[in-house]
């Protein structure tokens, strides 16, 4: 696994072992959310549906998103962080991580 460019060693370690297919599915699900609906509850609902549809456990489904947003496997509340960061930057971070897995 290549590291995320410009990322600290801890961020690169966090990205190890993440699955590309899970990240791709999360990106697809989140791209369908309108910016006006980019709210904590809606983001949680959207990613939870993605998790259920894929048959993923929460750690597997949310882990890649958490690493892309915070650079860590353990972080502040994920969905609140995504709302604060906003849709364009969230999607960009997810795609950036995907390119380097």
Protein backbone atom coordinates (compact mmCIF):
# COMPACT_ATOMS: atom_id res chain seq x y z
CA UNK A 1 0.00 0.00 0.00
CA UNK A 2 1.36 3.39 -0.92
CA UNK A 3 0.95 6.15 1.58
CA UNK A 4 -1.18 9.18 1.15
CA UNK A 5 1.07 11.93 -0.29
CA UNK A 6 2.03 14.58 2.20
CA UNK A 7 0.45 12.59 5.02
CA UNK A 8 2.14 11.86 8.30
CA UNK A 9 3.38 8.35 9.06
CA UNK A 10 0.41 7.75 11.36
CA UNK A 11 -1.99 8.64 8.52
CA UNK A 12 -0.22 6.27 6.16
CA UNK A 13 -0.41 3.50 8.76
CA UNK A 14 -4.14 4.15 9.19
CA UNK A 15 -4.69 3.69 5.45
CA UNK A 16 -3.11 0.23 5.39
CA UNK A 17 -5.55 -2.60 4.94
CA UNK A 18 -8.46 -0.50 3.69
CA UNK A 19 -10.52 -2.02 0.90
CA UNK A 20 -10.88 -0.12 -2.37
CA UNK A 21 -14.29 -1.60 -3.18
CA UNK A 22 -15.74 -0.39 0.13
CA UNK A 23 -14.32 3.09 -0.44
CA UNK A 24 -15.67 3.18 -4.01
CA UNK A 25 -19.15 2.24 -2.77
CA UNK A 26 -19.03 4.96 -0.10
CA UNK A 27 -18.01 7.56 -2.68
CA UNK A 28 -20.86 6.51 -4.97
CA UNK A 29 -23.37 6.70 -2.13
CA UNK A 30 -22.18 10.11 -0.95
CA UNK A 31 -21.99 11.61 -4.44
CA UNK A 32 -25.76 11.08 -4.61
CA UNK A 33 -26.37 13.32 -1.59
CA UNK A 34 -27.38 16.87 -2.53
CA UNK A 35 -25.32 19.60 -0.87
CA UNK A 36 -28.48 21.00 0.72
CA UNK A 37 -28.96 17.60 2.40
CA UNK A 38 -25.34 17.32 3.57
CA UNK A 39 -26.34 17.10 7.24
CA UNK A 40 -25.14 14.76 9.98
CA UNK A 41 -28.32 12.69 10.20
CA UNK A 42 -28.65 12.29 6.44
CA UNK A 43 -24.97 11.36 6.05
CA UNK A 44 -25.33 8.73 8.78
CA UNK A 45 -28.46 7.35 7.09
CA UNK A 46 -26.79 7.29 3.67
CA UNK A 47 -23.64 5.51 4.83
CA UNK A 48 -25.60 3.15 7.04
CA UNK A 49 -27.70 2.12 4.03
CA UNK A 50 -24.45 1.63 2.07
CA UNK A 51 -23.19 -0.55 4.95
CA UNK A 52 -26.35 -2.63 5.10
CA UNK A 53 -26.61 -3.03 1.31
CA UNK A 54 -23.01 -4.23 1.13
CA UNK A 55 -23.37 -6.49 4.15
CA UNK A 56 -20.42 -4.70 5.77
CA UNK A 57 -19.71 -4.40 9.46
CA UNK A 58 -19.57 -0.77 10.66
CA UNK A 59 -15.79 -0.76 11.07
CA UNK A 60 -15.28 -1.99 7.49
CA UNK A 61 -17.83 0.44 6.01
CA UNK A 62 -16.97 3.55 7.99
CA UNK A 63 -13.23 2.96 8.48
CA UNK A 64 -12.10 4.16 5.03
CA UNK A 65 -14.31 7.24 5.32
CA UNK A 66 -12.92 8.02 8.77
CA UNK A 67 -9.32 7.71 7.53
CA UNK A 68 -10.02 9.92 4.51
CA UNK A 69 -11.65 12.62 6.64
CA UNK A 70 -9.36 12.63 9.68
CA UNK A 71 -6.26 10.64 8.73
CA UNK A 72 -6.90 8.29 11.65
CA UNK A 73 -8.79 5.12 12.39
CA UNK A 74 -10.10 6.72 15.59
CA UNK A 75 -11.39 10.26 15.24
CA UNK A 76 -13.94 12.81 16.39
CA UNK A 77 -17.54 11.98 15.41
CA UNK A 78 -17.45 11.00 11.75
CA UNK A 79 -20.74 12.31 10.42
CA UNK A 80 -20.45 15.64 12.23
CA UNK A 81 -16.94 16.01 10.82
CA UNK A 82 -18.21 15.31 7.31
CA UNK A 83 -20.91 17.95 7.68
CA UNK A 84 -18.35 20.52 8.87
CA UNK A 85 -15.85 19.67 6.12
CA UNK A 86 -18.58 19.82 3.48
CA UNK A 87 -19.39 17.71 0.46
CA UNK A 88 -16.74 18.90 -2.04
CA UNK A 89 -13.83 18.39 0.36
CA UNK A 90 -15.23 15.12 1.73
CA UNK A 91 -15.56 13.65 -1.77
CA UNK A 92 -12.11 14.97 -2.73
CA UNK A 93 -10.53 13.38 0.34
CA UNK A 94 -12.26 10.06 -0.32
CA UNK A 95 -11.12 10.04 -3.94
CA UNK A 96 -7.61 11.11 -2.92
CA UNK A 97 -7.34 8.22 -0.49
CA UNK A 98 -8.71 5.84 -3.11
CA UNK A 99 -5.99 6.84 -5.57
CA UNK A 100 -3.30 5.90 -3.07
CA UNK A 101 -4.56 2.55 -1.84
